[in-house]
Amino acid sequence: MTRLFAGTPFDIPPQCEDCGKPETECVCTPEEKAQAEAKRQREADRLPPEKQTARISVQKRKGGRKATVVEGLTAKANDLPELLTKLQAACGSGGTVKPKQDLIEIQGDHAATVGSTLTGLGFKVKPTR
């Protein structure tokens, strides 16, 4: 042990969080670093499903059609498009995400299926009428 900082974090050169290379050899562009930082921030803002409550309702639309609406899950705390894909696969139906209103719409009356799917994913479910 001839070096003063041998074996401490100061002995190791700092590394880039994105590419893993030492900072002196890093080839990441500023845009890549900004995208990676934004992704890390989104992941940090996510809430676990156990801490969220989804409100499920069935709304009647024009032409007598029905739509199952899931509210209470914020776009900032969830990956709503991924959740929509899982719900569509479970229901065998189409749907859409409206991130400005923080809601997911599934075509048809699928409240029971959506509720059981969300419960299986760990969300708390509260049906509304």
C-alpha atoms as a PDB file:
ATOM      1  CA  MET A   1       0.000   0.000   0.000  1.00  0.00           C
ATOM      2  CA  THR A   2       2.163   2.784  -1.271  1.00  0.00           C
ATOM      3  CA  ARG A   3      -0.590   5.003  -2.605  1.00  0.00           C
ATOM      4  CA  LEU A   4      -2.436   7.299  -0.236  1.00  0.00           C
ATOM      5  CA  PHE A   5      -5.934   6.468  -1.554  1.00  0.00           C
ATOM      6  CA  ALA A   6      -5.352   2.817  -2.464  1.00  0.00           C
ATOM      7  CA  GLY A   7      -8.560   0.827  -2.211  1.00  0.00           C
ATOM      8  CA  THR A   8     -10.815   3.851  -1.708  1.00  0.00           C
ATOM      9  CA  PRO A   9     -13.288   5.342  -4.179  1.00  0.00           C
ATOM     10  CA  PHE A  10     -10.783   8.134  -4.815  1.00  0.00           C
ATOM     11  CA  ASP A  11      -8.298   5.599  -6.217  1.00  0.00           C
ATOM     12  CA  ILE A  12     -10.689   4.665  -9.029  1.00  0.00           C
ATOM     13  CA  PRO A  13     -11.143   7.182 -11.860  1.00  0.00           C
ATOM     14  CA  PRO A  14     -14.740   8.399 -12.194  1.00  0.00           C
ATOM     15  CA  GLN A  15     -16.767   6.486 -14.780  1.00  0.00           C
ATOM     16  CA  CYS A  16     -19.545   7.556 -17.122  1.00  0.00           C
ATOM     17  CA  GLU A  17     -22.935   6.340 -15.879  1.00  0.00           C
ATOM     18  CA  ASP A  18     -24.104   5.681 -19.443  1.00  0.00           C
ATOM     19  CA  CYS A  19     -21.277   3.890 -21.251  1.00  0.00           C
ATOM     20  CA  GLY A  20     -19.258   2.658 -18.240  1.00  0.00           C
ATOM     21  CA  LYS A  21     -15.957   3.995 -19.564  1.00  0.00           C
ATOM     22  CA  PRO A  22     -13.712   6.343 -17.569  1.00  0.00           C
ATOM     23  CA  GLU A  23     -14.825   9.950 -17.994  1.00  0.00           C
ATOM     24  CA  THR A  24     -11.621  10.807 -19.858  1.00  0.00           C
ATOM     25  CA  GLU A  25     -12.466   8.167 -22.516  1.00  0.00           C
ATOM     26  CA  CYS A  26     -16.248   8.726 -22.632  1.00  0.00           C
ATOM     27  CA  VAL A  27     -17.688   9.118 -26.132  1.00  0.00           C
ATOM     28  CA  CYS A  28     -21.308   9.885 -25.148  1.00  0.00           C
ATOM     29  CA  THR A  29     -22.816  12.941 -26.815  1.00  0.00           C
ATOM     30  CA  PRO A  30     -24.563  15.595 -24.712  1.00  0.00           C
ATOM     31  CA  GLU A  31     -27.898  14.532 -26.266  1.00  0.00           C
ATOM     32  CA  GLU A  32     -27.341  10.907 -25.188  1.00  0.00           C
ATOM     33  CA  LYS A  33     -26.440  12.043 -21.678  1.00  0.00           C
ATOM     34  CA  ALA A  34     -29.574  14.216 -21.504  1.00  0.00           C
ATOM     35  CA  GLN A  35     -31.776  11.331 -22.702  1.00  0.00           C
ATOM     36  CA  ALA A  36     -30.228   8.949 -20.176  1.00  0.00           C
ATOM     37  CA  GLU A  37     -30.714  11.482 -17.371  1.00  0.00           C
ATOM     38  CA  ALA A  38     -34.356  12.011 -18.377  1.00  0.00           C
ATOM     39  CA  LYS A  39     -34.912   8.240 -18.358  1.00  0.00           C
ATOM     40  CA  ARG A  40     -33.343   7.925 -14.883  1.00  0.00           C
ATOM     41  CA  GLN A  41     -35.580  10.766 -13.654  1.00  0.00           C
ATOM     42  CA  ARG A  42     -38.720   9.074 -15.046  1.00  0.00           C
ATOM     43  CA  GLU A  43     -37.749   5.831 -13.313  1.00  0.00           C
ATOM     44  CA  ALA A  44     -37.191   7.704 -10.035  1.00  0.00           C
ATOM     45  CA  ASP A  45     -40.633   9.352 -10.307  1.00  0.00           C
ATOM     46  CA  ARG A  46     -42.437   6.026 -10.739  1.00  0.00           C
ATOM     47  CA  LEU A  47     -44.592   4.849  -7.872  1.00  0.00           C
ATOM     48  CA  PRO A  48     -44.953   1.172  -7.015  1.00  0.00           C
ATOM     49  CA  PRO A  49     -48.386  -0.238  -7.942  1.00  0.00           C
ATOM     50  CA  GLU A  50     -49.230  -0.949  -4.285  1.00  0.00           C
ATOM     51  CA  LYS A  51     -49.286   2.796  -3.570  1.00  0.00           C
ATOM     52  CA  GLN A  52     -51.746   3.637  -6.357  1.00  0.00           C
ATOM     53  CA  THR A  53     -55.502   3.246  -6.606  1.00  0.00           C
ATOM     54  CA  ALA A  54     -57.183   2.809  -9.973  1.00  0.00           C
ATOM     55  CA  ARG A  55     -60.823   3.895 -10.311  1.00  0.00           C
ATOM     56  CA  ILE A  56     -62.708   1.878 -12.918  1.00  0.00           C
ATOM     57  CA  SER A  57     -65.971   3.015 -14.469  1.00  0.00           C
ATOM     58  CA  VAL A  58     -68.041   2.137 -17.523  1.00  0.00           C
ATOM     59  CA  GLN A  59     -69.238   5.116 -19.551  1.00  0.00           C
ATOM     60  CA  LYS A  60     -71.927   5.088 -22.195  1.00  0.00           C
ATOM     61  CA  ARG A  61     -70.915   6.711 -25.466  1.00  0.00           C
ATOM     62  CA  LYS A  62     -72.828   7.851 -28.527  1.00  0.00           C
ATOM     63  CA  GLY A  63     -74.460   5.095 -30.503  1.00  0.00           C
ATOM     64  CA  GLY A  64     -75.044   3.015 -27.370  1.00  0.00           C
ATOM     65  CA  ARG A  65     -71.409   1.926 -27.172  1.00  0.00           C
ATOM     66  CA  LYS A  66     -69.681   1.505 -23.830  1.00  0.00           C
ATOM     67  CA  ALA A  67     -66.138   2.243 -22.756  1.00  0.00           C
ATOM     68  CA  THR A  68     -64.306   1.118 -19.639  1.00  0.00           C
ATOM     69  CA  VAL A  69     -62.352   4.028 -18.173  1.00  0.00           C
ATOM     70  CA  VAL A  70     -59.434   3.671 -15.748  1.00  0.00           C
ATOM     71  CA  GLU A  71     -58.597   6.838 -13.802  1.00  0.00           C
ATOM     72  CA  GLY A  72     -56.330   7.624 -10.879  1.00  0.00           C
ATOM     73  CA  LEU A  73     -53.079   6.395 -12.429  1.00  0.00           C
ATOM     74  CA  THR A  74     -50.877   9.356 -13.313  1.00  0.00           C
ATOM     75  CA  ALA A  75     -48.810   9.363 -16.473  1.00  0.00           C
ATOM     76  CA  LYS A  76     -45.809  10.615 -14.502  1.00  0.00           C
ATOM     77  CA  ALA A  77     -45.891   7.676 -12.083  1.00  0.00           C
ATOM     78  CA  ASN A  78     -46.674   4.938 -14.652  1.00  0.00           C
ATOM     79  CA  ASP A  79     -45.913   3.758 -18.134  1.00  0.00           C
ATOM     80  CA  LEU A  80     -49.519   4.117 -19.311  1.00  0.00           C
ATOM     81  CA  PRO A  81     -48.942   2.869 -22.899  1.00  0.00           C
ATOM     82  CA  GLU A  82     -47.407  -0.357 -21.570  1.00  0.00           C
ATOM     83  CA  LEU A  83     -50.270  -0.766 -19.103  1.00  0.00           C
ATOM     84  CA  LEU A  84     -52.771  -0.159 -21.929  1.00  0.00           C
ATOM     85  CA  THR A  85     -51.148  -2.921 -23.981  1.00  0.00           C
ATOM     86  CA  LYS A  86     -51.538  -5.380 -21.095  1.00  0.00           C
ATOM     87  CA  LEU A  87     -55.176  -4.409 -20.577  1.00  0.00           C
ATOM     88  CA  GLN A  88     -55.964  -4.654 -24.298  1.00  0.00           C
ATOM     89  CA  ALA A  89     -54.434  -8.130 -24.434  1.00  0.00           C
ATOM     90  CA  ALA A  90     -56.435  -9.235 -21.389  1.00  0.00           C
ATOM     91  CA  CYS A  91     -59.713  -7.828 -22.751  1.00  0.00           C
ATOM     92  CA  GLY A  92     -59.186  -8.594 -26.426  1.00  0.00           C
ATOM     93  CA  SER A  93     -60.276  -5.074 -27.241  1.00  0.00           C
ATOM     94  CA  GLY A  94     -58.966  -1.734 -28.445  1.00  0.00           C
ATOM     95  CA  GLY A  95     -58.315   1.326 -26.371  1.00  0.00           C
ATOM     96  CA  THR A  96     -56.392   4.541 -25.942  1.00  0.00           C
ATOM     97  CA  VAL A  97     -54.337   6.504 -23.431  1.00  0.00           C
ATOM     98  CA  LYS A  98     -55.118  10.127 -22.680  1.00  0.00           C
ATOM     99  CA  PRO A  99     -52.075  11.300 -20.710  1.00  0.00           C
ATOM    100  CA  LYS A 100     -53.328  14.877 -20.257  1.00  0.00           C
ATOM    101  CA  GLN A 101     -56.369  13.576 -18.373  1.00  0.00           C
ATOM    102  CA  ASP A 102     -54.391  10.658 -16.842  1.00  0.00           C
ATOM    103  CA  LEU A 103     -56.836   8.021 -18.032  1.00  0.00           C
ATOM    104  CA  ILE A 104     -56.984   4.820 -20.035  1.00  0.00           C
ATOM    105  CA  GLU A 105     -60.023   3.930 -22.142  1.00  0.00           C
ATOM    106  CA  ILE A 106     -60.843   0.372 -23.204  1.00  0.00           C
ATOM    107  CA  GLN A 107     -63.587  -0.199 -25.777  1.00  0.00           C
ATOM    108  CA  GLY A 108     -66.529  -2.156 -24.381  1.00  0.00           C
ATOM    109  CA  ASP A 109     -67.765  -3.137 -20.920  1.00  0.00           C
ATOM    110  CA  HIS A 110     -64.685  -4.856 -19.471  1.00  0.00           C
ATOM    111  CA  ALA A 111     -64.748  -3.542 -15.898  1.00  0.00           C
ATOM    112  CA  ALA A 112     -64.380  -6.990 -14.296  1.00  0.00           C
ATOM    113  CA  THR A 113     -61.523  -8.060 -16.571  1.00  0.00           C
ATOM    114  CA  VAL A 114     -59.692  -4.749 -16.174  1.00  0.00           C
ATOM    115  CA  GLY A 115     -60.154  -4.892 -12.400  1.00  0.00           C
ATOM    116  CA  SER A 116     -58.765  -8.408 -12.095  1.00  0.00           C
ATOM    117  CA  THR A 117     -55.849  -7.608 -14.408  1.00  0.00           C
ATOM    118  CA  LEU A 118     -54.901  -4.484 -12.451  1.00  0.00           C
ATOM    119  CA  THR A 119     -55.223  -6.376  -9.165  1.00  0.00           C
ATOM    120  CA  GLY A 120     -52.937  -9.048 -10.581  1.00  0.00           C
ATOM    121  CA  LEU A 121     -50.392  -6.355 -11.429  1.00  0.00           C
ATOM    122  CA  GLY A 122     -50.492  -5.122  -7.817  1.00  0.00           C
ATOM    123  CA  PHE A 123     -52.711  -2.038  -8.132  1.00  0.00           C
ATOM    124  CA  LYS A 124     -55.498  -1.255  -5.692  1.00  0.00           C
ATOM    125  CA  VAL A 125     -58.805  -1.148  -7.558  1.00  0.00           C
ATOM    126  CA  LYS A 126     -61.884   0.893  -6.676  1.00  0.00           C
ATOM    127  CA  PRO A 127     -64.915   0.445  -8.927  1.00  0.00           C
ATOM    128  CA  THR A 128     -67.050   3.550  -9.432  1.00  0.00           C
ATOM    129  CA  ARG A 129     -70.548   3.723 -10.840  1.00  0.00           C
END
